[in-house]
Every structure is written in C-alpha cells, then in structure tokens.
Amino acid sequence: MKKKIKKIQIFRLIIQLILFVLSPGLFILAFSGFKSIYQMIIKGDFNFLQAFPSLVEFTTVIIITIVLGRFFCGWVCAFGTYNDLLHLLSKNVFKINFKVNEKVDAVLKYAKYVVLLLLVVLVWSMGSKVLETTSPWDAFAQITNFPQVLSDYTIGFILLALITIGAFFIERFFCRYLCPLGAVFNIFSRIGILKIKKPTDKCGKCRLCTNNCSMALSLYKVESIRGGDCINCLKCIEACPRNNTQLNVFGENVNPELASSVAIVAMVGLYNLNNLGAEALAQSKLTKQTSTSVSASINNTPQKYEDITTSDASNASTSTTDSSKESSTNNANESASSTTINQSNYTNGTYTGAGTGFKGGTTEIAVTVKDNKITNVETVSNQDTPKFYSRVEREIVSEIISAQSATVDTISGATYSSEGIISAVKDALSQAKK
C-alpha cells in the first residue's frame, strides 16, 4: 500500500520552522503579557489602552485562540516546535515509540495547572524570587547565549535538559504536562468556532486518530472536540483512512488546508496590526509624558519620582530677580525633597550610555534630560536580534519614562536584552549628574 503524503503536516512543519527563526521568543512575550494583565488587575490600576503596547503578543494570541482554537500552540510556538523536532528525531532516527498509559496521561495533564498556580501565587502575587532563575522557558529563549545562560539559569537549564529527555520519549511532553501558558489557552479555547468532528458511528476500530494525536487525546471516545488540550495539529484528519475526521466551522465541514492557512494569515496579520497600534499608542504616551514633564517644570509643580526629581526645574527659576518667586521655588524644592526616594540633580542635555545586552553585545542608548526629567530614551546601536529587540525596547523605554527611573523590571525571556537597555540608561544618567 502506497504511503499517503501528509501535505498538512509538511505545510505545518514549514510554518513552524519559519516562525521558529523569525519569532523564537513570541511564546515567552505572550506569557509575560498575561502576567502584566494579572498584576495590573490585582493592583487595581488596569488600563488596557495604556497597557496595550506591552500586551501585543498576548492580545494577538488570545484573540486567535478564543476564535479558532490553539493554532498558536500547534503551529507558532517555538517551544512547541522544539518538542516536535525532538519527537521526530526520536521516532524516525532512534525508533522510540513510547506510550503513556491513558489514565496516567489524563492525571498528569493537571500538573500544568499546578505550575500556573505556583507562578501566580508565589511569583506574581507574593513577589517571590525563588523561581527567578529556574525557568526552562527563559533558558530556552536565550539558549544561543549558552555560556551565560548556563551560569545565570543553572536550574532552568537543568530543567530544560530534563524536558528535552521527556520530549524524546513523550510527544509534546512539556505542552501536555507542564506548560502554564497551555493551561491558560486550554480554558479560553473551548468557546471557539472551530472544532474537529468525528462521528463515532462511522468509525472502525483502528484508533488511528487517537494514536496520531500529538496531545494523546482519546478521540475514539468522542464525537467532536473543540479547544481544550487540542492544539489543532490536524494529524487526526490526515491519519483517518475513512476521511471520517473533519474540520468543522459553524456546522459545516471545511478544507483543513484552507482553514489552517487562514488561521496563520489571521494571526500574522493581527499581530502586525496590533504592532502598528501599539507603536502609535506608545508614541502618543511618550509625547504626553514629555509634554507633562515640560509643563510641570514651567509651572514649578513638584512631582514624586524615583531617581529623577523636580529640583532642577525649581533651580531654573532661581535666576529671576523676583524674590517672592525664589522663595516659592525653594519651598517647592523642600517639599519635593521630603517625598522623593533618591534625589539626583541632572544637567540638561543628551547623554549616551553603554550596557551589555544579549550574547555580550553592546547596547548604546541616548537619554535626553530636560529640567531634571527623562524626556526621551532612544537606541543608538545594539547587537541583539532586531525584531525581538524592538519589542523589548518599546516596553522597557515606556516603563523608564513612565517611572522616571532606570530601576524597572526586566522582561522574562528577554533578560539580557532588557538589562542591556537598563544598564545603558543608568550609564547615561550617571554622566548627566551634576
């Protein structure tokens, strides 16, 4: 019997490899976006429009997941691709065909909710640093900087090695049992419009759909499946010798090649659209912050900032011969001094600082200071991955200007890129100090 060419799986592998190269850190940025949303909600300061520039990845992925299901996990996620490549290697080269007992598999799949709960409670809610260097995701996202990753994320790298071994024996090992982002998507994907329909009355006893499922779902027991642990790999559709397994939208069977193409185009298109909107909002936010800073300095309005204070804005007014105005300025200085954490006086100008970024590369940042305020932060040069760096830069710069401080959090999965920007800004500010 001639072996059937699995066109969908060839197409899927091509898409996976392309996105693995172009957007390797997308999965960790999406999860970082989910973390940001959660923390803003519990702090009571959630504003979607203000937060949107830092939530592009999560917003894109969650919309597609709600509408179409987990195409992100099955087709886009770099860590999922990593698991798939390991399985292909183990199956075709080493001929490993290990199967987990169905009941054991069902129980182990709850483990990812435990992982998510630990992160939410310990790290996001309580601020614990105990898991800071233990993330296999962070280790994987920066694996090209191997010596540094091995040093900074030793436990994370060990866990990554264990996950790699697990993926050799169990297809999509991490996705099935440990992925916290998968736990989130499992919930949201259940209300989508797309489902896999498989009437059991037309089935034989082969169970090929179940045996070929990347997530080991018991498809032979159900009439259809929508979202949940299904990652829309579509293996079950190509495996069925009776063409009984079909992709279904609003009760109508649809061509799986066409549906998967539409899903990927929709995700890429929505991502780029969101990026454009995020850049516009970020620029608008930057302009507003700059305008507010200048206005505050003109009106001698004391404000509370970390690292950057209003003392220069007040001092600028002391050149006037109006003694009453000078007295008012001094009072403003005293008031500002009593409420700021760290006082610093900066000389107006633009200063260029350097920091060490991804793979030990140099990141140069130009920081503009006016009236003791950070009014602009701009990259002069960097040696990071351009597309990935631009996303990190936008979020970190926005945080620095918003906080008027270089003391901001790094982005998980982009620690080195973040630290390169932050340290360069600190270096520039050190030059600006009087």
Protein backbone atom coordinates (compact mmCIF):
# COMPACT_ATOMS: atom_id res chain seq x y z
CA MET A 1 0.00 0.00 0.00
CA LYS A 2 1.37 3.38 -1.03
CA LYS A 3 2.11 5.65 1.91
CA LYS A 4 -0.07 8.76 1.95
CA ILE A 5 1.77 12.07 1.71
CA LYS A 6 0.72 14.20 4.66
CA LYS A 7 0.55 17.59 2.99
CA ILE A 8 -0.86 19.38 6.02
CA GLN A 9 1.98 18.18 8.25
CA ILE A 10 4.60 19.22 5.68
CA PHE A 11 3.00 22.66 5.45
CA ARG A 12 2.77 22.86 9.24
CA LEU A 13 6.45 21.94 9.69
CA ILE A 14 7.49 24.62 7.18
CA ILE A 15 5.43 27.25 9.05
CA GLN A 16 6.88 26.09 12.38
CA LEU A 17 10.47 26.32 11.17
CA ILE A 18 9.95 29.78 9.62
CA LEU A 19 8.40 31.17 12.80
CA PHE A 20 10.98 29.38 14.94
CA VAL A 21 13.62 31.51 13.20
CA LEU A 22 11.64 34.76 12.92
CA SER A 23 9.84 34.83 16.29
CA PRO A 24 11.60 32.48 18.72
CA GLY A 25 10.62 34.46 21.83
CA LEU A 26 6.95 35.02 21.00
CA PHE A 27 5.71 32.42 23.47
CA ILE A 28 7.52 33.98 26.44
CA LEU A 29 6.39 37.50 25.48
CA ALA A 30 2.79 36.27 25.26
CA PHE A 31 3.07 34.80 28.75
CA SER A 32 4.72 37.99 30.00
CA GLY A 33 1.69 39.87 28.68
CA PHE A 34 -0.64 37.62 30.66
CA LYS A 35 1.46 38.28 33.76
CA SER A 36 1.21 42.06 33.18
CA ILE A 37 -2.58 41.89 32.89
CA TYR A 38 -2.88 39.88 36.10
CA GLN A 39 -0.61 42.19 38.09
CA MET A 40 -2.37 45.34 36.86
CA ILE A 41 -5.74 43.87 37.87
CA ILE A 42 -4.67 42.90 41.39
CA LYS A 43 -3.07 46.32 41.87
CA GLY A 44 -6.29 47.97 40.72
CA ASP A 45 -4.61 50.09 38.01
CA PHE A 46 -5.60 48.22 34.86
CA ASN A 47 -5.94 50.47 31.81
CA PHE A 48 -5.98 48.47 28.60
CA LEU A 49 -5.11 51.35 26.29
CA GLN A 50 -2.08 52.32 28.36
CA ALA A 51 -1.01 48.70 28.78
CA PHE A 52 -1.63 47.65 25.18
CA PRO A 53 1.88 48.37 23.79
CA SER A 54 3.28 45.77 26.18
CA LEU A 55 0.48 43.26 25.55
CA VAL A 56 0.66 42.90 21.77
CA GLU A 57 1.71 39.25 21.75
CA PHE A 58 -0.80 38.09 24.35
CA THR A 59 -3.63 40.10 22.80
CA THR A 60 -2.94 38.63 19.37
CA VAL A 61 -2.64 35.06 20.59
CA ILE A 62 -5.63 35.13 22.93
CA ILE A 63 -7.97 36.54 20.24
CA ILE A 64 -6.96 33.83 17.75
CA THR A 65 -7.20 31.17 20.47
CA ILE A 66 -10.71 32.23 21.51
CA VAL A 67 -11.97 32.34 17.93
CA LEU A 68 -10.12 29.49 16.22
CA GLY A 69 -8.52 27.41 18.97
CA ARG A 70 -4.90 26.67 19.83
CA PHE A 71 -3.24 27.21 16.45
CA PHE A 72 -0.56 29.20 18.27
CA CYS A 73 0.47 26.13 20.26
CA GLY A 74 0.35 23.74 17.32
CA TRP A 75 1.83 25.95 14.62
CA VAL A 76 3.62 29.01 16.03
CA CYS A 77 5.10 28.44 19.49
CA ALA A 78 8.88 27.93 19.27
CA PHE A 79 8.94 25.73 22.36
CA GLY A 80 6.22 23.55 20.85
CA THR A 81 8.28 23.31 17.66
CA TYR A 82 11.29 22.31 19.74
CA ASN A 83 9.24 19.48 21.29
CA ASP A 84 8.01 18.38 17.84
CA LEU A 85 11.53 18.29 16.37
CA LEU A 86 12.75 16.16 19.27
CA HIS A 87 9.86 13.75 18.76
CA LEU A 88 10.56 13.49 15.02
CA LEU A 89 14.18 12.70 15.80
CA SER A 90 13.35 10.08 18.42
CA LYS A 91 10.66 8.42 16.30
CA ASN A 92 12.39 8.35 12.92
CA VAL A 93 16.05 8.02 13.88
CA PHE A 94 16.03 6.21 17.22
CA LYS A 95 12.72 4.39 16.57
CA ILE A 96 11.35 5.25 20.01
CA ASN A 97 7.63 4.56 20.31
CA PHE A 98 6.86 5.09 23.99
CA LYS A 99 3.22 5.46 25.03
CA VAL A 100 1.89 6.74 28.36
CA ASN A 101 -0.99 4.85 29.93
CA GLU A 102 -4.23 6.66 29.07
CA LYS A 103 -5.35 7.08 32.71
CA VAL A 104 -1.91 8.20 33.87
CA ASP A 105 -1.73 10.68 31.00
CA ALA A 106 -5.10 12.16 31.96
CA VAL A 107 -3.93 12.71 35.56
CA LEU A 108 -0.54 14.16 34.59
CA LYS A 109 -2.22 16.76 32.39
CA TYR A 110 -3.45 18.52 35.53
CA ALA A 111 0.16 19.25 36.51
CA LYS A 112 0.31 22.31 34.23
CA TYR A 113 -2.44 23.95 36.30
CA VAL A 114 -0.33 23.40 39.42
CA VAL A 115 2.63 25.06 37.67
CA LEU A 116 0.43 28.01 36.68
CA LEU A 117 -0.94 28.31 40.22
CA LEU A 118 2.56 28.32 41.74
CA LEU A 119 3.64 31.10 39.39
CA VAL A 120 0.53 33.18 40.06
CA VAL A 121 0.65 32.80 43.84
CA LEU A 122 4.37 32.71 44.62
CA VAL A 123 5.89 34.92 41.94
CA TRP A 124 3.18 37.23 40.61
CA SER A 125 1.20 37.79 43.81
CA MET A 126 3.79 37.41 46.59
CA GLY A 127 6.77 38.69 44.61
CA SER A 128 8.92 35.67 45.49
CA LYS A 129 12.27 35.43 43.68
CA VAL A 130 12.61 31.69 44.37
CA LEU A 131 11.76 30.78 40.75
CA GLU A 132 13.60 33.70 39.14
CA THR A 133 16.43 31.63 37.63
CA THR A 134 14.62 28.29 37.41
CA SER A 135 12.51 28.88 34.29
CA PRO A 136 13.32 26.42 31.47
CA TRP A 137 11.47 28.84 29.18
CA ASP A 138 13.93 31.63 29.94
CA ALA A 139 16.85 29.24 29.49
CA PHE A 140 15.46 28.09 26.12
CA ALA A 141 14.59 31.61 24.92
CA GLN A 142 18.25 32.64 25.36
CA ILE A 143 19.98 29.33 24.63
CA THR A 144 22.11 30.85 21.85
CA ASN A 145 23.97 32.67 24.62
CA PHE A 146 24.84 29.27 26.10
CA PRO A 147 27.76 30.03 28.48
CA GLN A 148 25.90 32.94 30.07
CA VAL A 149 22.62 31.01 30.28
CA LEU A 150 24.35 28.05 31.92
CA SER A 151 25.80 30.42 34.51
CA ASP A 152 22.71 32.58 35.16
CA TYR A 153 19.99 29.96 34.72
CA THR A 154 21.66 26.81 36.00
CA ILE A 155 18.50 25.27 37.46
CA GLY A 156 16.47 26.44 34.48
CA PHE A 157 18.95 24.79 32.14
CA ILE A 158 18.83 21.55 34.14
CA LEU A 159 15.03 21.56 33.91
CA LEU A 160 15.29 22.26 30.17
CA ALA A 161 17.58 19.23 29.82
CA LEU A 162 15.05 17.07 31.69
CA ILE A 163 12.23 18.38 29.49
CA THR A 164 14.33 17.55 26.44
CA ILE A 165 14.73 13.97 27.65
CA GLY A 166 10.99 13.79 28.35
CA ALA A 167 10.18 15.07 24.84
CA PHE A 168 12.36 12.32 23.38
CA PHE A 169 10.04 9.71 24.84
CA ILE A 170 6.69 11.51 25.00
CA GLU A 171 5.40 13.67 22.15
CA ARG A 172 4.77 17.27 23.29
CA PHE A 173 5.89 16.34 26.81
CA PHE A 174 6.11 19.92 28.07
CA CYS A 175 2.91 21.03 26.33
CA ARG A 176 0.90 18.15 27.77
CA TYR A 177 2.03 18.30 31.37
CA LEU A 178 3.94 21.45 32.31
CA CYS A 179 3.10 24.46 30.12
CA PRO A 180 1.43 27.24 32.17
CA LEU A 181 0.51 29.17 29.02
CA GLY A 182 -1.10 26.00 27.70
CA ALA A 183 -3.18 25.86 30.89
CA VAL A 184 -4.49 29.36 30.14
CA PHE A 185 -5.22 28.54 26.49
CA ASN A 186 -6.94 25.29 27.48
CA ILE A 187 -9.63 27.35 29.18
CA PHE A 188 -10.06 30.10 26.59
CA SER A 189 -10.05 27.85 23.52
CA ARG A 190 -13.19 25.94 24.49
CA ILE A 191 -15.53 28.63 23.14
CA GLY A 192 -14.12 28.87 19.61
CA ILE A 193 -15.96 28.42 16.32
CA LEU A 194 -13.70 25.66 15.04
CA LYS A 195 -13.94 22.02 16.06
CA ILE A 196 -12.82 18.61 14.89
CA LYS A 197 -15.84 16.44 14.16
CA LYS A 198 -15.62 12.66 14.16
CA PRO A 199 -18.93 10.72 14.16
CA THR A 200 -18.25 7.52 16.09
CA ASP A 201 -20.91 5.54 14.20
CA LYS A 202 -18.72 5.80 11.08
CA CYS A 203 -15.54 4.78 12.85
CA GLY A 204 -13.70 1.50 12.63
CA LYS A 205 -11.61 0.01 15.42
CA CYS A 206 -8.26 1.31 14.25
CA ARG A 207 -7.98 4.27 16.67
CA LEU A 208 -5.52 5.89 14.26
CA CYS A 209 -6.84 9.35 15.15
CA THR A 210 -6.03 8.78 18.82
CA ASN A 211 -2.68 7.11 18.12
CA ASN A 212 -1.57 10.04 15.96
CA CYS A 213 -2.77 12.84 18.26
CA SER A 214 0.15 14.98 19.45
CA MET A 215 -1.57 15.52 22.80
CA ALA A 216 -2.73 11.88 23.21
CA LEU A 217 -6.41 12.83 23.35
CA SER A 218 -8.88 9.92 23.49
CA LEU A 219 -10.54 10.86 20.20
CA TYR A 220 -12.06 7.41 19.74
CA LYS A 221 -14.41 8.18 22.67
CA VAL A 222 -15.90 11.43 21.39
CA GLU A 223 -18.00 12.73 18.51
CA SER A 224 -16.12 16.03 18.33
CA ILE A 225 -13.53 18.09 20.13
CA ARG A 226 -13.26 21.87 20.46
CA GLY A 227 -10.22 23.51 22.05
CA GLY A 228 -9.07 22.29 25.43
CA ASP A 229 -5.90 20.25 25.07
CA CYS A 230 -6.32 20.07 21.28
CA ILE A 231 -3.57 22.14 19.61
CA ASN A 232 -5.02 21.92 16.08
CA CYS A 233 -2.08 19.97 14.69
CA LEU A 234 -4.66 18.26 12.40
CA LYS A 235 -2.78 14.94 12.46
CA CYS A 236 -6.01 13.09 13.20
CA ILE A 237 -7.58 14.36 9.97
CA GLU A 238 -4.78 13.08 7.76
CA ALA A 239 -4.48 9.82 9.69
CA CYS A 240 -8.11 8.74 9.20
CA PRO A 241 -8.31 6.19 6.34
CA ARG A 242 -12.08 6.73 6.00
CA ASN A 243 -11.93 10.54 5.85
CA ASN A 244 -14.34 10.48 8.79
CA THR A 245 -12.43 13.08 10.82
CA GLN A 246 -13.24 16.57 9.54
CA LEU A 247 -12.59 20.17 10.45
CA ASN A 248 -15.90 21.88 11.13
CA VAL A 249 -16.91 25.56 11.41
CA PHE A 250 -20.49 26.54 12.29
CA GLY A 251 -21.69 23.03 11.50
CA GLU A 252 -20.07 22.90 8.05
CA ASN A 253 -17.04 20.82 7.13
CA VAL A 254 -14.19 22.94 5.75
CA ASN A 255 -10.98 22.24 3.91
CA PRO A 256 -8.26 21.80 6.59
CA GLU A 257 -5.51 23.22 4.35
CA LEU A 258 -7.57 26.34 3.73
CA ALA A 259 -8.58 26.67 7.41
CA SER A 260 -5.01 26.35 8.67
CA SER A 261 -3.78 28.88 6.09
CA VAL A 262 -6.49 31.35 7.10
CA ALA A 263 -5.61 30.87 10.79
CA ILE A 264 -1.90 31.57 10.24
CA VAL A 265 -2.56 34.56 7.96
CA ALA A 266 -5.05 35.91 10.52
CA MET A 267 -2.52 35.53 13.34
CA VAL A 268 0.33 37.19 11.42
CA GLY A 269 -1.98 39.94 10.13
CA LEU A 270 -3.48 40.64 13.55
CA TYR A 271 -0.02 40.65 15.12
CA ASN A 272 1.27 43.24 12.65
CA LEU A 273 -1.92 45.31 13.04
CA ASN A 274 -1.56 45.20 16.81
CA ASN A 275 2.09 46.20 16.49
CA LEU A 276 1.15 49.28 14.46
CA GLY A 277 -1.46 50.23 17.03
CA ALA A 278 0.99 49.62 19.88
CA GLU A 279 3.64 51.82 18.27
CA ALA A 280 1.10 54.61 17.78
CA LEU A 281 -0.08 54.35 21.39
CA ALA A 282 3.48 54.18 22.71
CA GLN A 283 4.44 57.29 20.75
CA SER A 284 1.31 59.08 21.95
CA LYS A 285 2.10 58.07 25.54
CA LEU A 286 5.70 59.27 25.17
CA THR A 287 4.58 62.61 23.75
CA LYS A 288 2.07 63.06 26.56
CA GLN A 289 4.67 62.20 29.23
CA THR A 290 7.19 64.61 27.71
CA SER A 291 4.58 67.35 27.49
CA THR A 292 3.55 66.75 31.11
CA SER A 293 7.17 66.93 32.29
CA VAL A 294 7.84 70.19 30.47
CA SER A 295 4.57 71.68 31.69
CA ALA A 296 5.34 70.66 35.26
CA SER A 297 8.77 72.30 35.12
CA ILE A 298 7.34 75.54 33.71
CA ASN A 299 4.71 75.72 36.42
CA ASN A 300 7.18 74.63 39.14
CA THR A 301 4.87 71.76 40.07
CA PRO A 302 6.69 69.33 42.38
CA GLN A 303 6.22 65.67 41.47
CA LYS A 304 7.36 62.44 43.07
CA TYR A 305 9.73 60.29 41.03
CA GLU A 306 12.25 57.56 41.73
CA ASP A 307 15.80 58.66 40.84
CA ILE A 308 14.58 61.77 38.92
CA THR A 309 13.27 64.77 40.93
CA THR A 310 12.00 68.23 40.27
CA SER A 311 14.92 70.02 41.86
CA ASP A 312 16.45 71.20 38.56
CA ALA A 313 13.11 72.56 37.38
CA SER A 314 12.92 74.57 40.58
CA ASN A 315 16.55 75.68 40.42
CA ALA A 316 15.99 77.01 36.92
CA SER A 317 13.61 79.54 38.36
CA THR A 318 16.11 80.97 40.87
CA SER A 319 17.72 83.16 38.24
CA THR A 320 14.74 85.50 38.39
CA THR A 321 15.03 88.71 40.42
CA ASP A 322 11.59 88.21 41.86
CA SER A 323 12.38 87.39 45.49
CA SER A 324 8.90 86.10 46.24
CA LYS A 325 9.13 83.66 43.33
CA GLU A 326 12.53 82.49 44.54
CA SER A 327 11.06 81.83 47.99
CA SER A 328 8.22 79.87 46.43
CA THR A 329 10.70 77.80 44.41
CA ASN A 330 12.75 76.94 47.49
CA ASN A 331 9.63 75.81 49.29
CA ALA A 332 8.80 73.60 46.31
CA ASN A 333 12.29 72.10 46.47
CA GLU A 334 11.89 71.32 50.17
CA SER A 335 8.51 69.72 49.52
CA ALA A 336 9.90 67.59 46.70
CA SER A 337 12.87 66.57 48.84
CA SER A 338 10.61 65.23 51.55
CA THR A 339 8.71 62.92 49.20
CA THR A 340 11.39 61.54 46.87
CA ILE A 341 13.26 58.29 47.46
CA ASN A 342 16.56 59.19 45.78
CA GLN A 343 17.36 62.78 44.91
CA SER A 344 19.57 63.49 41.90
CA ASN A 345 20.38 66.69 40.04
CA TYR A 346 20.91 66.37 36.30
CA THR A 347 22.29 68.77 33.72
CA ASN A 348 20.12 69.32 30.68
CA GLY A 349 21.33 67.57 27.55
CA THR A 350 21.51 64.28 25.69
CA TYR A 351 23.88 61.62 27.04
CA THR A 352 24.89 58.30 25.51
CA GLY A 353 25.42 55.31 27.76
CA ALA A 354 26.51 51.73 27.06
CA GLY A 355 25.36 48.43 28.52
CA THR A 356 25.90 44.74 27.91
CA GLY A 357 22.97 43.09 26.15
CA PHE A 358 22.23 39.74 24.51
CA LYS A 359 25.23 37.45 23.87
CA GLY A 360 27.54 40.02 25.46
CA GLY A 361 26.82 42.58 22.74
CA THR A 362 26.98 46.30 23.42
CA THR A 363 23.78 48.32 23.63
CA GLU A 364 24.14 52.10 23.29
CA ILE A 365 21.28 54.31 24.46
CA ALA A 366 20.87 58.09 24.17
CA VAL A 367 18.97 59.64 27.07
CA THR A 368 17.68 63.19 26.89
CA VAL A 369 17.25 65.06 30.17
CA LYS A 370 15.43 68.38 30.40
CA ASP A 371 14.57 70.18 33.63
CA ASN A 372 15.52 67.11 35.65
CA LYS A 373 13.17 64.86 33.69
CA ILE A 374 13.86 61.98 31.30
CA THR A 375 12.16 63.25 28.15
CA ASN A 376 13.48 60.76 25.60
CA VAL A 377 15.24 57.39 25.50
CA GLU A 378 16.48 56.21 22.13
CA THR A 379 18.64 53.34 20.91
CA VAL A 380 21.85 54.40 19.17
CA SER A 381 23.03 50.86 18.40
CA ASN A 382 22.61 47.30 19.61
CA GLN A 383 23.78 43.79 18.76
CA ASP A 384 20.53 41.97 19.58
CA THR A 385 18.10 40.25 17.23
CA PRO A 386 16.48 43.32 15.58
CA LYS A 387 12.79 42.33 15.62
CA PHE A 388 12.96 40.86 19.12
CA TYR A 389 14.93 43.82 20.45
CA SER A 390 12.46 46.38 19.11
CA ARG A 391 9.63 44.75 21.09
CA VAL A 392 11.70 44.70 24.29
CA GLU A 393 12.94 48.25 23.69
CA ARG A 394 9.43 49.63 23.35
CA GLU A 395 8.25 48.16 26.64
CA ILE A 396 11.38 48.96 28.69
CA VAL A 397 11.62 52.55 27.36
CA SER A 398 7.95 53.13 28.11
CA GLU A 399 8.46 51.87 31.67
CA ILE A 400 11.59 54.00 32.21
CA ILE A 401 9.89 57.22 31.06
CA SER A 402 6.70 56.39 32.96
CA ALA A 403 8.61 55.68 36.19
CA GLN A 404 11.20 58.40 35.51
CA SER A 405 13.71 55.80 36.61
CA ALA A 406 16.06 53.19 35.24
CA THR A 407 15.00 50.90 38.07
CA VAL A 408 12.39 48.86 36.20
CA ASP A 409 11.73 45.13 35.82
CA THR A 410 13.32 43.12 33.02
CA ILE A 411 11.11 41.20 30.60
CA SER A 412 11.00 37.48 31.28
CA GLY A 413 12.66 35.58 28.45
CA ALA A 414 14.47 38.73 27.35
CA THR A 415 16.52 39.36 30.47
CA TYR A 416 19.81 40.12 28.72
CA SER A 417 18.22 42.48 26.18
CA SER A 418 16.36 44.24 28.98
CA GLU A 419 19.46 44.56 31.14
CA GLY A 420 21.42 45.97 28.21
CA ILE A 421 18.92 48.82 27.83
CA ILE A 422 18.57 49.43 31.57
CA SER A 423 22.32 49.48 32.26
CA ALA A 424 22.91 51.79 29.27
CA VAL A 425 20.30 54.23 30.59
CA LYS A 426 21.90 54.15 34.04
CA ASP A 427 25.29 54.82 32.45
CA ALA A 428 23.87 57.79 30.54
CA LEU A 429 22.23 59.21 33.66
CA SER A 430 25.47 58.88 35.60
CA GLN A 431 27.06 61.22 33.06
CA ALA A 432 24.22 63.70 33.43
CA LYS A 433 24.57 64.04 37.19
CA LYS A 434 25.85 67.40 38.40
